[in-house]
Amino acid sequence: MRTPQIERLSEAPTELTARRGDNSRRVLLLLSAAELLGMSLWFTGTAVLPQVTALWHSGIDLGSWLTIAVQIGFSLGALTFAVFNISDVFSPIKVFVLSVIAAAAANAAFAMVAQDPLTAILFRGATGFCLAGVYPVGMKIIAGWFQRGRGLALGIMIGALTVGSAFPHAVISLGGIPWRGVVLLGSAQALLGALIVGLWVHQGPFAMPQSKFDPSQVLEIVRNRSLRLANLGYLGHMWELYGFWAWIAVILSASSHWPTMKFEAGAALAIAIGAVGCIWAGLASDRLQDQSAQQRVSQRAWVTIIAMAVSAACCVVAALVFHHPLILTALSLIWGVAVIADSAQFSTIISEVSDKSYVGTALTLQTALGFMLTAFAIRSMAYIAHHSSWPWALASMTVGPLLGIWAMSGLLTRK
């Protein structure tokens, strides 16, 4: 017969696990909401392109650079954060909050201060630089709360980020809102996100203690084969993702020869629906969470390969049906689910195969390289569309997922 003391001791771990589970779900909800609000800053410049280009009598070149500036700024910021191990040396909560506030200020300056294209591009670049302390740092915070179910947790967070990225397009689609109002609304949302994290989010039980500055951690991307393949797969994924996200409204408009404004709601839905893919991929990748680390990585690699195969097929089909706007619009919803579904799983793999003391640095470097590449992807799409046609630009996007599939197949056979 068990004594009451023994019963209390045996029940304590269960109670502790339950409380930890409740806390982790609460943090996931709060941080996902903060990411949704903060990362809405990403496409505020892209969403207001029709008004801004008309104001400054510019064309597709300004449109591409207002988006590319965010990508380049983010890449430079992420490289800075990675080289100096900022999210591992300092509190990621404080880094997140300060970064969101700075990004909101730079975004507001784009609306209120910029009087010409060059100044606008610089402020959009500054916004991207500051967001480097939001997206990858948020992933590190979540990784500190989840060992089991990490793929799903990151999938939910990136799904929320996806909805946030679509939000400016949704606001524009309502009509009648001045472009400066749309941009300033984004800054207000971001500040609310910073408040949520600052007041109610703290580090989890699996978070590593603050680490010493170690610039050699950047070279792990070359030394660690699994890390190298996961990053290469991520690069292929990012080439297609931001080609799709940046230009989908323009692509739908060009297909029907109607004004871009008429397709902002469709573009918002095509981006936001990606949250469904993120959750599916998270559930699928966590099926083997009780197995070995190698089996978990292989399972996540399979999920990324499936998602990239579907999105590669969408690139080709979109090129073939480009002159059929209704079919293209329907296809964009399928494409929107597949194109982002694998994103969280690349990050989950990175968090599992990198040095546990420098997960933040590994995730930040991953995003730095990925977003640097997207600047070329977005510009190349504009170049091909301008000098050839949008169908050829769409077909060119298949290069990304095919590269990603090749890289991730290496993780299926690793020994």
Protein backbone atom coordinates (compact mmCIF):
# COMPACT_ATOMS: atom_id res chain seq x y z
CA MET A 1 0.00 0.00 0.00
CA ARG A 2 1.40 3.37 -1.02
CA THR A 3 1.72 6.06 1.64
CA PRO A 4 0.32 9.58 1.00
CA GLN A 5 3.88 10.89 0.84
CA ILE A 6 4.81 8.41 -1.91
CA GLU A 7 1.61 9.27 -3.77
CA ARG A 8 2.43 12.97 -3.62
CA LEU A 9 5.94 12.33 -4.89
CA SER A 10 4.66 10.18 -7.76
CA GLU A 11 2.04 12.72 -8.76
CA ALA A 12 4.38 15.74 -8.61
CA PRO A 13 6.10 15.14 -11.97
CA THR A 14 2.71 14.75 -13.67
CA GLU A 15 1.47 18.01 -12.16
CA LEU A 16 4.72 19.74 -13.13
CA THR A 17 4.44 18.43 -16.68
CA ALA A 18 0.83 19.62 -16.90
CA ARG A 19 1.74 23.10 -15.67
CA ARG A 20 4.68 23.23 -18.09
CA GLY A 21 2.37 22.17 -20.93
CA ASP A 22 -0.16 24.87 -20.05
CA ASN A 23 2.59 27.50 -19.90
CA SER A 24 4.11 26.40 -23.21
CA ARG A 25 0.74 26.62 -24.97
CA ARG A 26 0.12 30.05 -23.48
CA VAL A 27 3.54 31.30 -24.62
CA LEU A 28 3.00 29.81 -28.08
CA LEU A 29 -0.31 31.68 -28.38
CA LEU A 30 1.12 34.97 -27.14
CA LEU A 31 4.30 34.80 -29.19
CA SER A 32 2.40 33.79 -32.32
CA ALA A 33 0.13 36.80 -31.86
CA ALA A 34 3.18 39.04 -31.40
CA GLU A 35 4.83 37.63 -34.54
CA LEU A 36 1.61 38.18 -36.51
CA LEU A 37 1.47 41.81 -35.36
CA GLY A 38 5.19 42.53 -35.70
CA MET A 39 5.85 40.85 -39.03
CA SER A 40 2.92 42.72 -40.66
CA LEU A 41 5.59 45.40 -41.20
CA TRP A 42 7.24 43.22 -43.85
CA PHE A 43 4.86 43.90 -46.72
CA THR A 44 3.51 47.34 -45.85
CA GLY A 45 5.70 48.83 -48.58
CA THR A 46 4.68 46.18 -51.10
CA ALA A 47 0.96 46.53 -50.33
CA VAL A 48 0.94 50.29 -50.99
CA LEU A 49 2.92 50.07 -54.23
CA PRO A 50 0.10 51.28 -56.52
CA GLN A 51 -0.29 54.51 -54.52
CA VAL A 52 3.43 55.09 -53.97
CA THR A 53 4.45 54.43 -57.56
CA ALA A 54 1.69 56.76 -58.78
CA LEU A 55 2.82 59.44 -56.30
CA TRP A 56 6.41 59.32 -57.50
CA HIS A 57 5.62 58.42 -61.14
CA SER A 58 7.64 55.23 -60.92
CA GLY A 59 7.12 51.72 -62.26
CA ILE A 60 7.99 48.13 -61.48
CA ASP A 61 11.61 49.00 -60.65
CA LEU A 62 10.60 51.05 -57.59
CA GLY A 63 8.13 48.33 -56.71
CA SER A 64 10.81 45.68 -56.68
CA TRP A 65 13.27 47.81 -54.71
CA LEU A 66 10.81 48.71 -51.97
CA THR A 67 10.48 44.98 -51.31
CA ILE A 68 14.13 44.10 -52.00
CA ALA A 69 15.25 46.78 -49.52
CA VAL A 70 13.49 44.91 -46.71
CA GLN A 71 15.15 41.64 -47.75
CA ILE A 72 18.62 43.20 -47.91
CA GLY A 73 18.11 45.07 -44.64
CA PHE A 74 16.94 41.88 -42.94
CA SER A 75 19.93 39.96 -44.29
CA LEU A 76 22.41 42.57 -43.05
CA GLY A 77 20.67 42.68 -39.69
CA ALA A 78 20.60 38.90 -39.39
CA LEU A 79 24.29 38.65 -40.28
CA THR A 80 25.06 41.25 -37.61
CA PHE A 81 22.99 39.36 -35.04
CA ALA A 82 24.63 36.05 -36.05
CA VAL A 83 28.26 37.23 -36.08
CA PHE A 84 27.90 38.78 -32.63
CA ASN A 85 25.70 35.92 -31.26
CA ILE A 86 23.27 38.60 -30.06
CA SER A 87 20.27 36.34 -29.41
CA ASP A 88 22.48 33.86 -27.52
CA VAL A 89 24.57 36.35 -25.52
CA PHE A 90 21.68 38.64 -24.54
CA SER A 91 18.14 37.93 -23.37
CA PRO A 92 16.09 36.98 -26.47
CA ILE A 93 12.99 38.54 -24.88
CA LYS A 94 14.69 41.95 -24.65
CA VAL A 95 16.19 41.56 -28.13
CA PHE A 96 12.73 40.77 -29.54
CA VAL A 97 10.98 43.72 -27.85
CA LEU A 98 13.63 46.31 -28.73
CA SER A 99 13.82 45.06 -32.31
CA VAL A 100 10.04 45.33 -32.81
CA ILE A 101 10.00 48.88 -31.42
CA ALA A 102 12.86 49.93 -33.70
CA ALA A 103 11.19 48.30 -36.74
CA ALA A 104 7.92 50.10 -35.97
CA ALA A 105 9.76 53.42 -35.80
CA ALA A 106 11.56 52.85 -39.13
CA ASN A 107 8.29 51.81 -40.77
CA ALA A 108 6.53 54.94 -39.47
CA ALA A 109 9.37 57.08 -40.82
CA PHE A 110 8.78 55.55 -44.27
CA ALA A 111 5.22 56.93 -44.16
CA MET A 112 5.87 60.28 -42.50
CA VAL A 113 9.39 61.33 -43.52
CA ALA A 114 10.19 59.79 -46.91
CA GLN A 115 9.67 62.34 -49.70
CA ASP A 116 11.39 60.50 -52.55
CA PRO A 117 12.09 56.91 -53.67
CA LEU A 118 15.66 56.78 -52.29
CA THR A 119 14.63 57.82 -48.79
CA ALA A 120 11.71 55.39 -48.89
CA ILE A 121 14.01 52.53 -49.89
CA LEU A 122 16.42 53.38 -47.05
CA PHE A 123 13.66 53.39 -44.43
CA ARG A 124 12.29 50.09 -45.74
CA GLY A 125 15.80 48.67 -45.49
CA ALA A 126 16.06 49.88 -41.89
CA THR A 127 12.73 48.18 -41.14
CA GLY A 128 14.08 44.91 -42.49
CA PHE A 129 17.31 45.28 -40.46
CA CYS A 130 15.32 45.57 -37.23
CA LEU A 131 13.02 42.66 -38.09
CA ALA A 132 16.11 40.42 -37.96
CA GLY A 133 15.66 40.59 -34.19
CA VAL A 134 12.04 39.46 -34.41
CA TYR A 135 11.53 36.42 -36.65
CA PRO A 136 14.59 34.22 -35.84
CA VAL A 137 14.64 35.32 -32.20
CA GLY A 138 10.99 34.33 -31.87
CA MET A 139 11.90 30.87 -33.18
CA LYS A 140 14.62 30.55 -30.55
CA ILE A 141 12.17 31.48 -27.78
CA ILE A 142 9.70 28.83 -28.98
CA ALA A 143 12.50 26.22 -29.19
CA GLY A 144 13.15 26.90 -25.50
CA TRP A 145 9.59 25.90 -24.64
CA PHE A 146 9.19 22.78 -26.79
CA GLN A 147 11.23 19.60 -27.13
CA ARG A 148 8.27 17.40 -28.01
CA GLY A 149 6.06 18.92 -30.68
CA ARG A 150 8.63 21.50 -31.70
CA GLY A 151 7.80 21.12 -35.40
CA LEU A 152 4.13 21.87 -34.82
CA ALA A 153 4.92 24.75 -32.45
CA LEU A 154 7.20 26.43 -34.98
CA GLY A 155 4.65 25.67 -37.70
CA ILE A 156 1.94 27.49 -35.74
CA MET A 157 4.20 30.46 -35.10
CA ILE A 158 5.24 30.76 -38.74
CA GLY A 159 1.61 30.26 -39.74
CA ALA A 160 0.78 33.32 -37.64
CA LEU A 161 3.66 35.18 -39.27
CA THR A 162 2.20 34.23 -42.65
CA VAL A 163 -1.17 35.74 -41.76
CA GLY A 164 0.63 38.86 -40.55
CA SER A 165 2.47 39.13 -43.87
CA ALA A 166 -0.88 39.05 -45.67
CA PHE A 167 -2.48 41.68 -43.42
CA PRO A 168 -1.37 44.84 -45.32
CA HIS A 169 -2.81 43.41 -48.55
CA ALA A 170 -6.08 42.72 -46.74
CA VAL A 171 -6.25 46.28 -45.39
CA ILE A 172 -5.60 47.77 -48.84
CA SER A 173 -8.31 45.56 -50.36
CA LEU A 174 -10.91 47.31 -48.17
CA GLY A 175 -10.37 50.47 -50.21
CA GLY A 176 -10.54 54.11 -49.18
CA ILE A 177 -7.60 53.96 -46.74
CA PRO A 178 -4.69 56.33 -47.53
CA TRP A 179 -1.40 54.53 -48.01
CA ARG A 180 0.17 56.32 -45.05
CA GLY A 181 -2.67 55.07 -42.85
CA VAL A 182 -1.98 51.48 -43.91
CA VAL A 183 1.73 51.86 -43.09
CA LEU A 184 1.12 53.53 -39.72
CA LEU A 185 -1.42 50.87 -38.79
CA GLY A 186 1.37 48.34 -39.28
CA SER A 187 3.60 50.24 -36.83
CA ALA A 188 0.80 50.40 -34.26
CA GLN A 189 0.25 46.64 -34.56
CA ALA A 190 3.97 45.99 -34.12
CA LEU A 191 4.09 48.05 -30.91
CA LEU A 192 1.20 46.00 -29.55
CA GLY A 193 3.21 42.86 -30.35
CA ALA A 194 6.21 44.24 -28.45
CA LEU A 195 3.95 44.97 -25.46
CA ILE A 196 2.61 41.40 -25.45
CA VAL A 197 6.09 39.84 -25.38
CA GLY A 198 7.52 42.36 -22.92
CA LEU A 199 4.74 41.83 -20.37
CA TRP A 200 3.72 38.19 -20.67
CA VAL A 201 6.41 36.09 -22.37
CA HIS A 202 9.46 34.65 -20.66
CA GLN A 203 12.06 32.01 -21.54
CA GLY A 204 11.14 28.35 -21.37
CA PRO A 205 12.54 25.42 -19.38
CA PHE A 206 14.58 24.14 -22.34
CA ALA A 207 16.24 27.46 -23.12
CA MET A 208 20.01 27.32 -23.00
CA PRO A 209 21.82 29.71 -20.62
CA GLN A 210 23.33 32.82 -22.14
CA SER A 211 26.47 31.92 -24.09
CA LYS A 212 29.82 33.59 -24.57
CA PHE A 213 30.58 35.49 -27.76
CA ASP A 214 32.03 32.97 -30.24
CA PRO A 215 32.29 34.19 -33.88
CA SER A 216 33.55 30.75 -34.98
CA GLN A 217 29.96 29.49 -34.64
CA VAL A 218 29.25 31.12 -38.01
CA LEU A 219 31.59 28.55 -39.63
CA GLU A 220 29.40 25.68 -38.37
CA ILE A 221 27.33 26.14 -41.50
CA VAL A 222 30.30 24.73 -43.44
CA ARG A 223 31.59 22.15 -40.96
CA ASN A 224 28.26 20.52 -40.02
CA ARG A 225 26.96 18.46 -42.97
CA SER A 226 23.36 18.25 -41.73
CA LEU A 227 23.35 21.96 -41.03
CA ARG A 228 24.80 22.62 -44.48
CA LEU A 229 22.14 20.56 -46.27
CA ALA A 230 19.29 22.06 -44.24
CA ASN A 231 20.48 25.56 -45.08
CA LEU A 232 20.81 24.70 -48.76
CA GLY A 233 17.27 23.31 -48.77
CA TYR A 234 16.08 26.50 -47.05
CA LEU A 235 17.73 28.63 -49.73
CA GLY A 236 15.84 26.79 -52.46
CA HIS A 237 12.59 27.21 -50.53
CA MET A 238 13.17 30.95 -50.02
CA TRP A 239 13.90 31.58 -53.71
CA GLU A 240 10.37 30.52 -54.59
CA LEU A 241 8.56 31.74 -51.46
CA TYR A 242 9.36 35.41 -51.79
CA GLY A 243 9.03 35.38 -55.54
CA PHE A 244 5.46 34.22 -54.90
CA TRP A 245 4.68 36.47 -51.92
CA ALA A 246 6.19 39.63 -53.40
CA TRP A 247 4.55 39.41 -56.82
CA ILE A 248 1.30 37.44 -56.46
CA ALA A 249 -0.96 40.52 -56.60
CA VAL A 250 0.89 41.82 -59.65
CA ILE A 251 0.82 38.37 -61.29
CA LEU A 252 -2.94 38.03 -60.85
CA SER A 253 -3.41 41.56 -62.16
CA ALA A 254 -1.20 40.96 -65.20
CA SER A 255 -3.08 37.74 -65.97
CA SER A 256 -6.41 39.56 -66.34
CA HIS A 257 -5.13 43.05 -67.28
CA TRP A 258 -7.16 44.54 -64.44
CA PRO A 259 -5.76 47.03 -61.86
CA THR A 260 -3.61 45.47 -59.14
CA MET A 261 -5.91 46.89 -56.44
CA LYS A 262 -8.67 44.50 -57.53
CA PHE A 263 -6.46 41.54 -56.62
CA GLU A 264 -5.21 42.63 -53.18
CA ALA A 265 -7.86 40.48 -51.44
CA GLY A 266 -6.89 37.46 -53.55
CA ALA A 267 -3.21 38.05 -52.83
CA ALA A 268 -3.93 38.38 -49.11
CA LEU A 269 -5.83 35.09 -49.12
CA ALA A 270 -3.14 33.31 -51.16
CA ILE A 271 -0.53 34.36 -48.58
CA ALA A 272 -2.61 33.87 -45.43
CA ILE A 273 -3.86 30.41 -46.41
CA GLY A 274 -0.28 29.24 -46.03
CA ALA A 275 -0.98 28.96 -42.29
CA VAL A 276 -2.90 25.77 -43.12
CA GLY A 277 0.21 24.30 -44.74
CA CYS A 278 2.38 25.27 -41.76
CA ILE A 279 0.12 23.43 -39.32
CA TRP A 280 -0.14 20.34 -41.57
CA ALA A 281 3.63 20.19 -41.93
CA GLY A 282 4.11 20.59 -38.19
CA LEU A 283 1.74 17.71 -37.42
CA ALA A 284 3.29 15.48 -40.09
CA SER A 285 6.88 16.19 -39.06
CA ASP A 286 6.24 15.45 -35.38
CA ARG A 287 4.85 11.94 -36.01
CA LEU A 288 8.18 10.35 -35.04
CA GLN A 289 8.98 12.60 -32.09
CA ASP A 290 9.54 9.58 -29.82
CA GLN A 291 12.13 8.10 -32.20
CA SER A 292 15.84 8.86 -32.58
CA ALA A 293 17.10 12.29 -33.60
CA GLN A 294 18.10 10.92 -37.02
CA GLN A 295 14.61 9.54 -37.64
CA ARG A 296 13.02 12.85 -36.65
CA VAL A 297 15.26 14.78 -39.01
CA SER A 298 14.50 12.34 -41.84
CA GLN A 299 10.75 12.67 -41.20
CA ARG A 300 10.99 16.47 -41.33
CA ALA A 301 13.06 16.22 -44.51
CA TRP A 302 10.31 14.12 -46.13
CA VAL A 303 7.74 16.79 -45.24
CA THR A 304 9.84 19.53 -46.87
CA ILE A 305 10.33 17.41 -50.00
CA ILE A 306 6.59 16.82 -50.38
CA ALA A 307 5.80 20.53 -49.93
CA MET A 308 8.49 21.61 -52.41
CA ALA A 309 7.36 19.03 -54.98
CA VAL A 310 3.81 20.43 -54.86
CA SER A 311 4.98 24.04 -55.07
CA ALA A 312 7.37 23.25 -57.95
CA ALA A 313 4.44 21.73 -59.85
CA CYS A 314 2.44 24.90 -59.12
CA CYS A 315 5.21 27.02 -60.70
CA VAL A 316 4.95 25.07 -63.95
CA VAL A 317 1.14 24.91 -64.00
CA ALA A 318 0.89 28.64 -63.21
CA ALA A 319 3.03 29.41 -66.25
CA LEU A 320 0.79 27.23 -68.43
CA VAL A 321 -2.51 28.72 -67.22
CA PHE A 322 -1.29 32.31 -66.87
CA HIS A 323 -3.79 33.62 -69.43
CA HIS A 324 -6.71 32.01 -67.57
CA PRO A 325 -7.08 34.30 -64.53
CA LEU A 326 -9.80 32.31 -62.73
CA ILE A 327 -7.79 29.09 -62.91
CA LEU A 328 -4.63 30.95 -61.90
CA THR A 329 -6.40 32.51 -58.91
CA ALA A 330 -7.65 29.10 -57.75
CA LEU A 331 -4.20 27.60 -58.26
CA SER A 332 -2.65 30.40 -56.19
CA LEU A 333 -4.53 29.10 -53.14
CA ILE A 334 -3.04 25.61 -53.50
CA TRP A 335 0.34 27.18 -54.17
CA GLY A 336 -0.01 29.42 -51.12
CA VAL A 337 -0.52 26.38 -48.88
CA ALA A 338 2.49 24.48 -50.27
CA VAL A 339 4.97 27.33 -50.69
CA ILE A 340 5.27 28.09 -46.96
CA ALA A 341 4.37 24.70 -45.45
CA ASP A 342 7.99 23.56 -45.16
CA SER A 343 9.45 26.78 -43.76
CA ALA A 344 9.13 25.92 -40.07
CA GLN A 345 10.54 22.45 -40.64
CA PHE A 346 13.82 23.80 -42.01
CA SER A 347 14.11 25.89 -38.85
CA THR A 348 13.19 22.92 -36.66
CA ILE A 349 15.92 20.82 -38.29
CA ILE A 350 18.41 23.65 -37.76
CA SER A 351 17.47 23.81 -34.06
CA GLU A 352 18.00 20.04 -33.71
CA VAL A 353 21.31 19.60 -35.55
CA SER A 354 23.13 22.79 -34.44
CA ASP A 355 25.14 23.39 -31.27
CA LYS A 356 22.50 23.72 -28.54
CA SER A 357 24.31 26.66 -26.96
CA TYR A 358 24.11 28.65 -30.20
CA VAL A 359 20.69 27.77 -31.62
CA GLY A 360 19.85 31.46 -31.92
CA THR A 361 22.97 32.12 -33.97
CA ALA A 362 22.27 29.14 -36.26
CA LEU A 363 18.66 30.21 -36.85
CA THR A 364 19.64 33.83 -37.44
CA LEU A 365 22.37 32.88 -39.91
CA GLN A 366 19.93 30.60 -41.72
CA THR A 367 17.46 33.42 -42.20
CA ALA A 368 20.23 35.87 -43.13
CA LEU A 369 21.36 33.71 -46.03
CA GLY A 370 17.79 32.94 -47.09
CA PHE A 371 16.62 36.53 -47.17
CA MET A 372 19.77 37.71 -48.90
CA LEU A 373 18.94 35.29 -51.69
CA THR A 374 15.35 36.51 -51.89
CA ALA A 375 16.57 39.95 -52.95
CA PHE A 376 17.97 38.35 -56.12
CA ALA A 377 14.84 36.21 -56.55
CA ILE A 378 12.49 39.19 -56.41
CA ARG A 379 14.64 41.27 -58.76
CA SER A 380 15.12 38.40 -61.22
CA MET A 381 11.34 37.85 -61.36
CA ALA A 382 10.85 41.51 -62.25
CA TYR A 383 13.63 41.36 -64.85
CA ILE A 384 12.33 38.21 -66.57
CA ALA A 385 8.75 39.51 -66.54
CA HIS A 386 9.82 42.86 -68.01
CA HIS A 387 12.15 41.48 -70.69
CA SER A 388 10.28 38.27 -71.52
CA SER A 389 6.90 37.53 -69.89
CA TRP A 390 5.29 36.59 -66.60
CA PRO A 391 4.83 32.93 -67.67
CA TRP A 392 8.60 32.60 -68.08
CA ALA A 393 9.14 34.34 -64.74
CA LEU A 394 6.77 31.88 -63.07
CA ALA A 395 8.49 28.89 -64.67
CA SER A 396 11.90 30.16 -63.51
CA MET A 397 10.81 29.82 -59.88
CA THR A 398 11.01 26.02 -60.12
CA VAL A 399 14.80 26.28 -59.73
CA GLY A 400 14.33 26.95 -56.00
CA PRO A 401 12.22 23.98 -54.92
CA LEU A 402 14.18 21.59 -57.16
CA LEU A 403 17.40 22.67 -55.45
CA GLY A 404 15.70 22.26 -52.08
CA ILE A 405 14.47 18.75 -52.89
CA TRP A 406 17.97 17.70 -53.94
CA ALA A 407 19.49 19.07 -50.71
CA MET A 408 16.92 17.57 -48.37
CA SER A 409 17.20 14.15 -50.01
CA GLY A 410 20.71 14.11 -48.54
CA LEU A 411 19.22 14.14 -45.05
CA LEU A 412 17.15 11.05 -45.83
CA THR A 413 20.26 8.93 -46.38
CA ARG A 414 22.66 10.38 -43.87
CA LYS A 415 24.48 7.87 -41.68
